[in-house]
Amino acid sequence: MIAVVIVAALASFVWVPFDPTAVNASIRLQGSSSSHILGTDSFGHDVFSVILEGSRATLLVGLLSVAIAAAIGVPIGVCAGMAGKRLGGAVMSANDILQAFPALLIAIIVGAVWGAGIMTAVVALGIGTAAAFARVSRSGTMQVMSREYISAARAAGRGRIFIAWRHVLPNIGGILVVQASVNFAVAVLAEAALSYLGLGTPPPTPSWGRMLQESQTFVFSSSMLVVWPGIAIAWTVLGFNILGDGLRDYFDPRRSR
């Protein structure tokens, strides 16, 4: 399922049936045909072309926001896990305060203040979901720090940075991959919601969320205009959620190989 979205995004760089930003009022609101597989929208855009190119923004926001969240949350979580209980608990208390605010709410506030844009959505979602990475990283780090080889590394005079890089990060990599997959699904859904509200990907750049917003007026007369971007969003989010569940089972040490 994820491969389909990735292939669509890559293919849109070299080929799309029609220009997804070209307005043609003479063919607006047409149904499926041999020329336009999924029909046209209210501006005369080819829906299939818009969905193809819209997958770029979806994957870009997901990838960059997850990278920002991991870059912020993982170091904080590892440091909190390697620190004492008092200092680590204080860090996690601050982390819980941030996690109490939904990532989408933070993105809406940032978008309303700084204006709509892809990078605004990326930074806001990255900061909003960093708390989840911090919590998962701290939990995994505390489990690793209780192992015998950590005591041996300390006895050999290894510093905290060496232990974190050589022993902690490789052993918590599995749970971080799972968290990244889950966060990617959250970012895809959040980007669509922000674009629907006019705070995400700005026009004329194609976006699945804005396709929903623009087609809601025609939900009864041309209902398929709502169905196609909805299927694209649901397909992508479901794919990453299933991937996260599968990775969680695969990396679970309690399950036999």
C-alpha atoms as a PDB file:
ATOM      1  CA  MET A   1       0.000   0.000   0.000  1.00  0.00           C
ATOM      2  CA  ILE A   2       2.808   2.400   0.847  1.00  0.00           C
ATOM      3  CA  ALA A   3       4.693   1.396  -2.291  1.00  0.00           C
ATOM      4  CA  VAL A   4       1.722   2.492  -4.416  1.00  0.00           C
ATOM      5  CA  VAL A   5       1.844   5.980  -2.878  1.00  0.00           C
ATOM      6  CA  ILE A   6       5.620   6.220  -3.264  1.00  0.00           C
ATOM      7  CA  VAL A   7       5.493   5.101  -6.890  1.00  0.00           C
ATOM      8  CA  ALA A   8       2.729   7.626  -7.593  1.00  0.00           C
ATOM      9  CA  ALA A   9       4.785  10.438  -6.052  1.00  0.00           C
ATOM     10  CA  LEU A  10       7.910   9.478  -7.991  1.00  0.00           C
ATOM     11  CA  ALA A  11       5.982   9.045 -11.241  1.00  0.00           C
ATOM     12  CA  SER A  12       4.487  12.536 -10.908  1.00  0.00           C
ATOM     13  CA  PHE A  13       7.960  14.058 -11.299  1.00  0.00           C
ATOM     14  CA  VAL A  14       8.289  12.672 -14.815  1.00  0.00           C
ATOM     15  CA  TRP A  15       4.712  12.125 -16.005  1.00  0.00           C
ATOM     16  CA  VAL A  16       1.163  13.273 -15.324  1.00  0.00           C
ATOM     17  CA  PRO A  17      -1.659  12.974 -17.884  1.00  0.00           C
ATOM     18  CA  PHE A  18      -2.565  16.685 -17.665  1.00  0.00           C
ATOM     19  CA  ASP A  19      -1.259  19.812 -15.999  1.00  0.00           C
ATOM     20  CA  PRO A  20      -2.842  19.637 -12.510  1.00  0.00           C
ATOM     21  CA  THR A  21      -2.845  23.437 -12.158  1.00  0.00           C
ATOM     22  CA  ALA A  22      -4.253  24.378 -15.585  1.00  0.00           C
ATOM     23  CA  VAL A  23      -7.811  25.746 -15.418  1.00  0.00           C
ATOM     24  CA  ASN A  24     -10.191  24.683 -18.198  1.00  0.00           C
ATOM     25  CA  ALA A  25     -13.784  25.738 -17.574  1.00  0.00           C
ATOM     26  CA  SER A  26     -15.039  23.955 -20.684  1.00  0.00           C
ATOM     27  CA  ILE A  27     -14.481  20.502 -19.141  1.00  0.00           C
ATOM     28  CA  ARG A  28     -15.352  21.213 -15.504  1.00  0.00           C
ATOM     29  CA  LEU A  29     -17.252  18.627 -13.441  1.00  0.00           C
ATOM     30  CA  GLN A  30     -17.029  15.881 -16.028  1.00  0.00           C
ATOM     31  CA  GLY A  31     -17.341  12.250 -14.994  1.00  0.00           C
ATOM     32  CA  SER A  32     -14.929   9.431 -15.701  1.00  0.00           C
ATOM     33  CA  SER A  33     -14.027   9.041 -19.359  1.00  0.00           C
ATOM     34  CA  SER A  34     -11.281   7.682 -21.562  1.00  0.00           C
ATOM     35  CA  SER A  35      -9.549  11.076 -21.452  1.00  0.00           C
ATOM     36  CA  HIS A  36     -10.017  11.734 -17.743  1.00  0.00           C
ATOM     37  CA  ILE A  37      -9.992   8.479 -15.794  1.00  0.00           C
ATOM     38  CA  LEU A  38     -11.326   9.977 -12.556  1.00  0.00           C
ATOM     39  CA  GLY A  39     -13.123  12.925 -14.141  1.00  0.00           C
ATOM     40  CA  THR A  40     -12.491  16.641 -13.640  1.00  0.00           C
ATOM     41  CA  ASP A  41     -13.151  19.017 -10.755  1.00  0.00           C
ATOM     42  CA  SER A  42     -14.852  22.407 -10.592  1.00  0.00           C
ATOM     43  CA  PHE A  43     -11.827  24.132 -12.136  1.00  0.00           C
ATOM     44  CA  GLY A  44     -11.438  21.653 -14.970  1.00  0.00           C
ATOM     45  CA  HIS A  45      -8.422  19.987 -13.384  1.00  0.00           C
ATOM     46  CA  ASP A  46      -7.877  16.328 -14.169  1.00  0.00           C
ATOM     47  CA  VAL A  47      -8.547  14.626 -10.824  1.00  0.00           C
ATOM     48  CA  PHE A  48      -6.122  11.766 -11.455  1.00  0.00           C
ATOM     49  CA  SER A  49      -3.310  14.232 -12.219  1.00  0.00           C
ATOM     50  CA  VAL A  50      -4.070  16.257  -9.087  1.00  0.00           C
ATOM     51  CA  ILE A  51      -4.017  13.132  -6.908  1.00  0.00           C
ATOM     52  CA  LEU A  52      -0.724  12.000  -8.439  1.00  0.00           C
ATOM     53  CA  GLU A  53       1.006  15.311  -7.817  1.00  0.00           C
ATOM     54  CA  GLY A  54      -0.700  15.769  -4.453  1.00  0.00           C
ATOM     55  CA  SER A  55       1.066  12.660  -3.177  1.00  0.00           C
ATOM     56  CA  ARG A  56       4.314  14.647  -3.264  1.00  0.00           C
ATOM     57  CA  ALA A  57       3.186  17.124  -0.608  1.00  0.00           C
ATOM     58  CA  THR A  58       1.752  14.319   1.509  1.00  0.00           C
ATOM     59  CA  LEU A  59       4.982  12.312   1.598  1.00  0.00           C
ATOM     60  CA  LEU A  60       7.156  15.426   1.941  1.00  0.00           C
ATOM     61  CA  VAL A  61       5.277  16.676   4.995  1.00  0.00           C
ATOM     62  CA  GLY A  62       5.267  13.194   6.538  1.00  0.00           C
ATOM     63  CA  LEU A  63       8.964  12.570   5.943  1.00  0.00           C
ATOM     64  CA  LEU A  64      10.235  15.956   7.118  1.00  0.00           C
ATOM     65  CA  SER A  65       7.948  16.178  10.147  1.00  0.00           C
ATOM     66  CA  VAL A  66       8.990  12.706  11.320  1.00  0.00           C
ATOM     67  CA  ALA A  67      12.659  13.632  10.816  1.00  0.00           C
ATOM     68  CA  ILE A  68      12.232  16.806  12.882  1.00  0.00           C
ATOM     69  CA  ALA A  69      10.305  14.967  15.606  1.00  0.00           C
ATOM     70  CA  ALA A  70      12.980  12.262  15.831  1.00  0.00           C
ATOM     71  CA  ALA A  71      15.820  14.810  15.813  1.00  0.00           C
ATOM     72  CA  ILE A  72      14.229  16.614  18.764  1.00  0.00           C
ATOM     73  CA  GLY A  73      12.625  13.793  20.718  1.00  0.00           C
ATOM     74  CA  VAL A  74      15.221  11.003  20.518  1.00  0.00           C
ATOM     75  CA  PRO A  75      18.146  12.947  22.075  1.00  0.00           C
ATOM     76  CA  ILE A  76      15.876  14.250  24.830  1.00  0.00           C
ATOM     77  CA  GLY A  77      14.522  10.778  25.559  1.00  0.00           C
ATOM     78  CA  VAL A  78      17.951   9.125  25.551  1.00  0.00           C
ATOM     79  CA  CYS A  79      19.425  11.787  27.841  1.00  0.00           C
ATOM     80  CA  ALA A  80      16.447  11.491  30.190  1.00  0.00           C
ATOM     81  CA  GLY A  81      16.804   7.710  30.259  1.00  0.00           C
ATOM     82  CA  MET A  82      20.528   7.855  31.008  1.00  0.00           C
ATOM     83  CA  ALA A  83      20.133  10.549  33.676  1.00  0.00           C
ATOM     84  CA  GLY A  84      19.024   9.927  37.225  1.00  0.00           C
ATOM     85  CA  LYS A  85      15.420   9.313  38.128  1.00  0.00           C
ATOM     86  CA  ARG A  86      14.922  12.818  39.484  1.00  0.00           C
ATOM     87  CA  LEU A  87      16.325  14.652  36.452  1.00  0.00           C
ATOM     88  CA  GLY A  88      14.773  12.191  34.000  1.00  0.00           C
ATOM     89  CA  GLY A  89      11.413  12.494  35.728  1.00  0.00           C
ATOM     90  CA  ALA A  90      11.555  16.287  35.521  1.00  0.00           C
ATOM     91  CA  VAL A  91      12.324  16.138  31.801  1.00  0.00           C
ATOM     92  CA  MET A  92       9.451  13.742  31.195  1.00  0.00           C
ATOM     93  CA  SER A  93       7.080  15.947  33.187  1.00  0.00           C
ATOM     94  CA  ALA A  94       7.853  18.805  30.808  1.00  0.00           C
ATOM     95  CA  ASN A  95       7.450  16.358  27.932  1.00  0.00           C
ATOM     96  CA  ASP A  96       4.009  15.342  29.228  1.00  0.00           C
ATOM     97  CA  ILE A  97       2.924  18.983  29.204  1.00  0.00           C
ATOM     98  CA  LEU A  98       3.849  19.250  25.522  1.00  0.00           C
ATOM     99  CA  GLN A  99       2.187  15.916  24.756  1.00  0.00           C
ATOM    100  CA  ALA A 100      -1.046  17.158  26.333  1.00  0.00           C
ATOM    101  CA  PHE A 101      -1.482  19.459  23.324  1.00  0.00           C
ATOM    102  CA  PRO A 102      -2.433  17.560  20.157  1.00  0.00           C
ATOM    103  CA  ALA A 103      -0.018  17.967  17.267  1.00  0.00           C
ATOM    104  CA  LEU A 104      -2.831  19.110  14.979  1.00  0.00           C
ATOM    105  CA  LEU A 105      -3.828  21.848  17.427  1.00  0.00           C
ATOM    106  CA  ILE A 106      -0.243  23.107  17.574  1.00  0.00           C
ATOM    107  CA  ALA A 107      -0.071  23.051  13.776  1.00  0.00           C
ATOM    108  CA  ILE A 108      -3.306  25.037  13.501  1.00  0.00           C
ATOM    109  CA  ILE A 109      -2.027  27.674  15.956  1.00  0.00           C
ATOM    110  CA  VAL A 110       1.334  27.979  14.184  1.00  0.00           C
ATOM    111  CA  GLY A 111      -0.356  28.090  10.773  1.00  0.00           C
ATOM    112  CA  ALA A 112      -2.744  30.809  11.921  1.00  0.00           C
ATOM    113  CA  VAL A 113       0.142  32.906  13.293  1.00  0.00           C
ATOM    114  CA  TRP A 114       2.793  32.400  10.614  1.00  0.00           C
ATOM    115  CA  GLY A 115       0.564  31.752   7.614  1.00  0.00           C
ATOM    116  CA  ALA A 116      -0.161  28.707   5.492  1.00  0.00           C
ATOM    117  CA  GLY A 117       2.714  26.792   3.952  1.00  0.00           C
ATOM    118  CA  ILE A 118       4.313  23.382   3.696  1.00  0.00           C
ATOM    119  CA  MET A 119       7.282  24.276   5.902  1.00  0.00           C
ATOM    120  CA  THR A 120       4.979  25.783   8.534  1.00  0.00           C
ATOM    121  CA  ALA A 121       3.043  22.519   8.684  1.00  0.00           C
ATOM    122  CA  VAL A 122       6.258  20.475   8.731  1.00  0.00           C
ATOM    123  CA  VAL A 123       7.816  22.383  11.644  1.00  0.00           C
ATOM    124  CA  ALA A 124       4.593  22.498  13.640  1.00  0.00           C
ATOM    125  CA  LEU A 125       3.886  18.789  13.223  1.00  0.00           C
ATOM    126  CA  GLY A 126       7.514  17.932  13.943  1.00  0.00           C
ATOM    127  CA  ILE A 127       7.489  19.841  17.214  1.00  0.00           C
ATOM    128  CA  GLY A 128       4.048  18.569  18.147  1.00  0.00           C
ATOM    129  CA  THR A 129       4.967  14.897  17.714  1.00  0.00           C
ATOM    130  CA  ALA A 130       8.475  15.087  19.197  1.00  0.00           C
ATOM    131  CA  ALA A 131       7.071  14.287  22.651  1.00  0.00           C
ATOM    132  CA  ALA A 132       6.055  10.793  21.505  1.00  0.00           C
ATOM    133  CA  PHE A 133       9.607  10.071  20.340  1.00  0.00           C
ATOM    134  CA  ALA A 134      10.993  11.358  23.645  1.00  0.00           C
ATOM    135  CA  ARG A 135       8.776   9.086  25.724  1.00  0.00           C
ATOM    136  CA  VAL A 136       9.481   5.990  23.623  1.00  0.00           C
ATOM    137  CA  SER A 137      13.226   6.729  23.594  1.00  0.00           C
ATOM    138  CA  ARG A 138      13.387   7.156  27.364  1.00  0.00           C
ATOM    139  CA  SER A 139      11.511   3.916  27.981  1.00  0.00           C
ATOM    140  CA  GLY A 140      13.810   1.975  25.655  1.00  0.00           C
ATOM    141  CA  THR A 141      16.929   3.624  27.051  1.00  0.00           C
ATOM    142  CA  MET A 142      16.033   2.729  30.630  1.00  0.00           C
ATOM    143  CA  GLN A 143      15.634  -0.922  29.607  1.00  0.00           C
ATOM    144  CA  VAL A 144      18.998  -0.932  27.833  1.00  0.00           C
ATOM    145  CA  MET A 145      20.775   0.799  30.728  1.00  0.00           C
ATOM    146  CA  SER A 146      19.807  -2.060  33.047  1.00  0.00           C
ATOM    147  CA  ARG A 147      21.723  -4.627  30.952  1.00  0.00           C
ATOM    148  CA  GLU A 148      24.997  -6.208  32.003  1.00  0.00           C
ATOM    149  CA  TYR A 149      26.938  -5.001  28.986  1.00  0.00           C
ATOM    150  CA  ILE A 150      26.228  -1.403  30.009  1.00  0.00           C
ATOM    151  CA  SER A 151      27.826  -2.105  33.381  1.00  0.00           C
ATOM    152  CA  ALA A 152      30.789  -3.647  31.569  1.00  0.00           C
ATOM    153  CA  ALA A 153      31.089  -0.586  29.323  1.00  0.00           C
ATOM    154  CA  ARG A 154      31.077   1.693  32.348  1.00  0.00           C
ATOM    155  CA  ALA A 155      33.679  -0.457  34.070  1.00  0.00           C
ATOM    156  CA  ALA A 156      35.850  -0.131  30.952  1.00  0.00           C
ATOM    157  CA  GLY A 157      35.709   3.636  31.309  1.00  0.00           C
ATOM    158  CA  ARG A 158      33.373   4.340  28.412  1.00  0.00           C
ATOM    159  CA  GLY A 159      31.707   7.746  28.471  1.00  0.00           C
ATOM    160  CA  ARG A 160      28.013   8.510  28.207  1.00  0.00           C
ATOM    161  CA  ILE A 161      28.228   9.607  24.581  1.00  0.00           C
ATOM    162  CA  PHE A 162      29.980   6.387  23.575  1.00  0.00           C
ATOM    163  CA  ILE A 163      27.444   4.259  25.445  1.00  0.00           C
ATOM    164  CA  ALA A 164      24.519   6.150  23.926  1.00  0.00           C
ATOM    165  CA  TRP A 165      25.901   5.887  20.382  1.00  0.00           C
ATOM    166  CA  ARG A 166      27.299   2.346  20.540  1.00  0.00           C
ATOM    167  CA  HIS A 167      24.826   0.555  22.780  1.00  0.00           C
ATOM    168  CA  VAL A 168      21.617   2.520  23.367  1.00  0.00           C
ATOM    169  CA  LEU A 169      20.654   3.765  19.895  1.00  0.00           C
ATOM    170  CA  PRO A 170      21.242   0.424  18.081  1.00  0.00           C
ATOM    171  CA  ASN A 171      19.110  -1.389  20.646  1.00  0.00           C
ATOM    172  CA  ILE A 172      16.186   1.042  20.566  1.00  0.00           C
ATOM    173  CA  GLY A 173      16.242   1.396  16.784  1.00  0.00           C
ATOM    174  CA  GLY A 174      13.357  -1.039  16.363  1.00  0.00           C
ATOM    175  CA  ILE A 175      10.915   0.866  18.545  1.00  0.00           C
ATOM    176  CA  LEU A 176      11.976   4.132  16.919  1.00  0.00           C
ATOM    177  CA  VAL A 177      11.141   2.730  13.483  1.00  0.00           C
ATOM    178  CA  VAL A 178       7.711   1.713  14.759  1.00  0.00           C
ATOM    179  CA  GLN A 179       7.138   5.171  16.229  1.00  0.00           C
ATOM    180  CA  ALA A 180       8.253   6.792  12.980  1.00  0.00           C
ATOM    181  CA  SER A 181       5.712   4.749  11.026  1.00  0.00           C
ATOM    182  CA  VAL A 182       2.899   5.725  13.386  1.00  0.00           C
ATOM    183  CA  ASN A 183       3.948   9.387  13.348  1.00  0.00           C
ATOM    184  CA  PHE A 184       4.031   9.333   9.546  1.00  0.00           C
ATOM    185  CA  ALA A 185       0.384   8.295   9.462  1.00  0.00           C
ATOM    186  CA  VAL A 186      -0.473  11.071  11.921  1.00  0.00           C
ATOM    187  CA  ALA A 187       1.404  13.608   9.782  1.00  0.00           C
ATOM    188  CA  VAL A 188      -0.405  12.544   6.604  1.00  0.00           C
ATOM    189  CA  LEU A 189      -3.787  12.951   8.267  1.00  0.00           C
ATOM    190  CA  ALA A 190      -2.775  16.246   9.871  1.00  0.00           C
ATOM    191  CA  GLU A 191      -1.497  17.668   6.575  1.00  0.00           C
ATOM    192  CA  ALA A 192      -4.799  16.830   4.913  1.00  0.00           C
ATOM    193  CA  ALA A 193      -6.700  18.469   7.774  1.00  0.00           C
ATOM    194  CA  LEU A 194      -4.554  21.610   7.637  1.00  0.00           C
ATOM    195  CA  SER A 195      -4.968  21.887   3.864  1.00  0.00           C
ATOM    196  CA  TYR A 196      -8.717  21.418   4.279  1.00  0.00           C
ATOM    197  CA  LEU A 197      -8.735  24.332   6.728  1.00  0.00           C
ATOM    198  CA  GLY A 198      -6.578  26.462   4.419  1.00  0.00           C
ATOM    199  CA  LEU A 199      -3.512  26.311   6.711  1.00  0.00           C
ATOM    200  CA  GLY A 200      -1.517  23.640   4.907  1.00  0.00           C
ATOM    201  CA  THR A 201      -0.187  23.344   1.375  1.00  0.00           C
ATOM    202  CA  PRO A 202      -0.989  26.658  -0.355  1.00  0.00           C
ATOM    203  CA  PRO A 203      -2.563  26.810  -3.821  1.00  0.00           C
ATOM    204  CA  PRO A 204      -1.886  26.157  -6.624  1.00  0.00           C
ATOM    205  CA  THR A 205       0.213  23.244  -5.313  1.00  0.00           C
ATOM    206  CA  PRO A 206      -2.048  20.155  -5.407  1.00  0.00           C
ATOM    207  CA  SER A 207      -3.110  18.789  -2.033  1.00  0.00           C
ATOM    208  CA  TRP A 208      -5.510  15.998  -1.096  1.00  0.00           C
ATOM    209  CA  GLY A 209      -6.932  17.966   1.817  1.00  0.00           C
ATOM    210  CA  ARG A 210      -7.658  21.006  -0.305  1.00  0.00           C
ATOM    211  CA  MET A 211      -9.298  18.768  -2.909  1.00  0.00           C
ATOM    212  CA  LEU A 212     -11.792  17.774  -0.211  1.00  0.00           C
ATOM    213  CA  GLN A 213     -12.364  21.396   0.742  1.00  0.00           C
ATOM    214  CA  GLU A 214     -12.927  22.504  -2.847  1.00  0.00           C
ATOM    215  CA  SER A 215     -15.269  19.616  -3.664  1.00  0.00           C
ATOM    216  CA  GLN A 216     -17.523  19.791  -0.596  1.00  0.00           C
ATOM    217  CA  THR A 217     -19.864  22.179  -2.433  1.00  0.00           C
ATOM    218  CA  PHE A 218     -20.488  19.486  -5.038  1.00  0.00           C
ATOM    219  CA  VAL A 219     -20.820  16.567  -2.629  1.00  0.00           C
ATOM    220  CA  PHE A 220     -24.365  15.790  -3.849  1.00  0.00           C
ATOM    221  CA  SER A 221     -24.043  16.694  -7.518  1.00  0.00           C
ATOM    222  CA  SER A 222     -20.538  15.263  -8.127  1.00  0.00           C
ATOM    223  CA  SER A 223     -19.912  13.037  -5.135  1.00  0.00           C
ATOM    224  CA  MET A 224     -16.895  11.271  -6.654  1.00  0.00           C
ATOM    225  CA  LEU A 225     -14.880  14.464  -6.266  1.00  0.00           C
ATOM    226  CA  VAL A 226     -14.977  13.813  -2.524  1.00  0.00           C
ATOM    227  CA  VAL A 227     -14.471  10.063  -2.796  1.00  0.00           C
ATOM    228  CA  TRP A 228     -11.163  10.026  -4.694  1.00  0.00           C
ATOM    229  CA  PRO A 229      -9.061  12.225  -2.379  1.00  0.00           C
ATOM    230  CA  GLY A 230     -10.744  10.575   0.605  1.00  0.00           C
ATOM    231  CA  ILE A 231      -9.660   7.158  -0.646  1.00  0.00           C
ATOM    232  CA  ALA A 232      -6.116   8.441  -1.227  1.00  0.00           C
ATOM    233  CA  ILE A 233      -5.857   9.796   2.338  1.00  0.00           C
ATOM    234  CA  ALA A 234      -7.425   6.711   3.926  1.00  0.00           C
ATOM    235  CA  TRP A 235      -5.240   4.378   1.844  1.00  0.00           C
ATOM    236  CA  THR A 236      -2.014   6.126   2.895  1.00  0.00           C
ATOM    237  CA  VAL A 237      -2.906   6.443   6.589  1.00  0.00           C
ATOM    238  CA  LEU A 238      -4.093   2.830   6.755  1.00  0.00           C
ATOM    239  CA  GLY A 239      -0.928   1.629   5.038  1.00  0.00           C
ATOM    240  CA  PHE A 240       1.376   3.306   7.551  1.00  0.00           C
ATOM    241  CA  ASN A 241      -0.760   2.205  10.508  1.00  0.00           C
ATOM    242  CA  ILE A 242      -0.659  -1.419   9.342  1.00  0.00           C
ATOM    243  CA  LEU A 243       3.090  -1.108   8.791  1.00  0.00           C
ATOM    244  CA  GLY A 244       3.492   0.209  12.333  1.00  0.00           C
ATOM    245  CA  ASP A 245       1.505  -2.700  13.767  1.00  0.00           C
ATOM    246  CA  GLY A 246       3.536  -5.205  11.776  1.00  0.00           C
ATOM    247  CA  LEU A 247       6.850  -3.667  12.821  1.00  0.00           C
ATOM    248  CA  ARG A 248       5.727  -3.603  16.450  1.00  0.00           C
ATOM    249  CA  ASP A 249       5.031  -7.333  16.310  1.00  0.00           C
ATOM    250  CA  TYR A 250       8.296  -8.018  14.499  1.00  0.00           C
ATOM    251  CA  PHE A 251      10.461  -6.148  16.995  1.00  0.00           C
ATOM    252  CA  ASP A 252       8.595  -7.449  20.060  1.00  0.00           C
ATOM    253  CA  PRO A 253      11.135  -9.595  21.940  1.00  0.00           C
ATOM    254  CA  ARG A 254       8.326 -11.583  23.582  1.00  0.00           C
ATOM    255  CA  ARG A 255       7.299 -13.054  20.243  1.00  0.00           C
ATOM    256  CA  SER A 256       9.133 -16.082  18.910  1.00  0.00           C
ATOM    257  CA  ARG A 257      10.779 -15.667  15.530  1.00  0.00           C
END
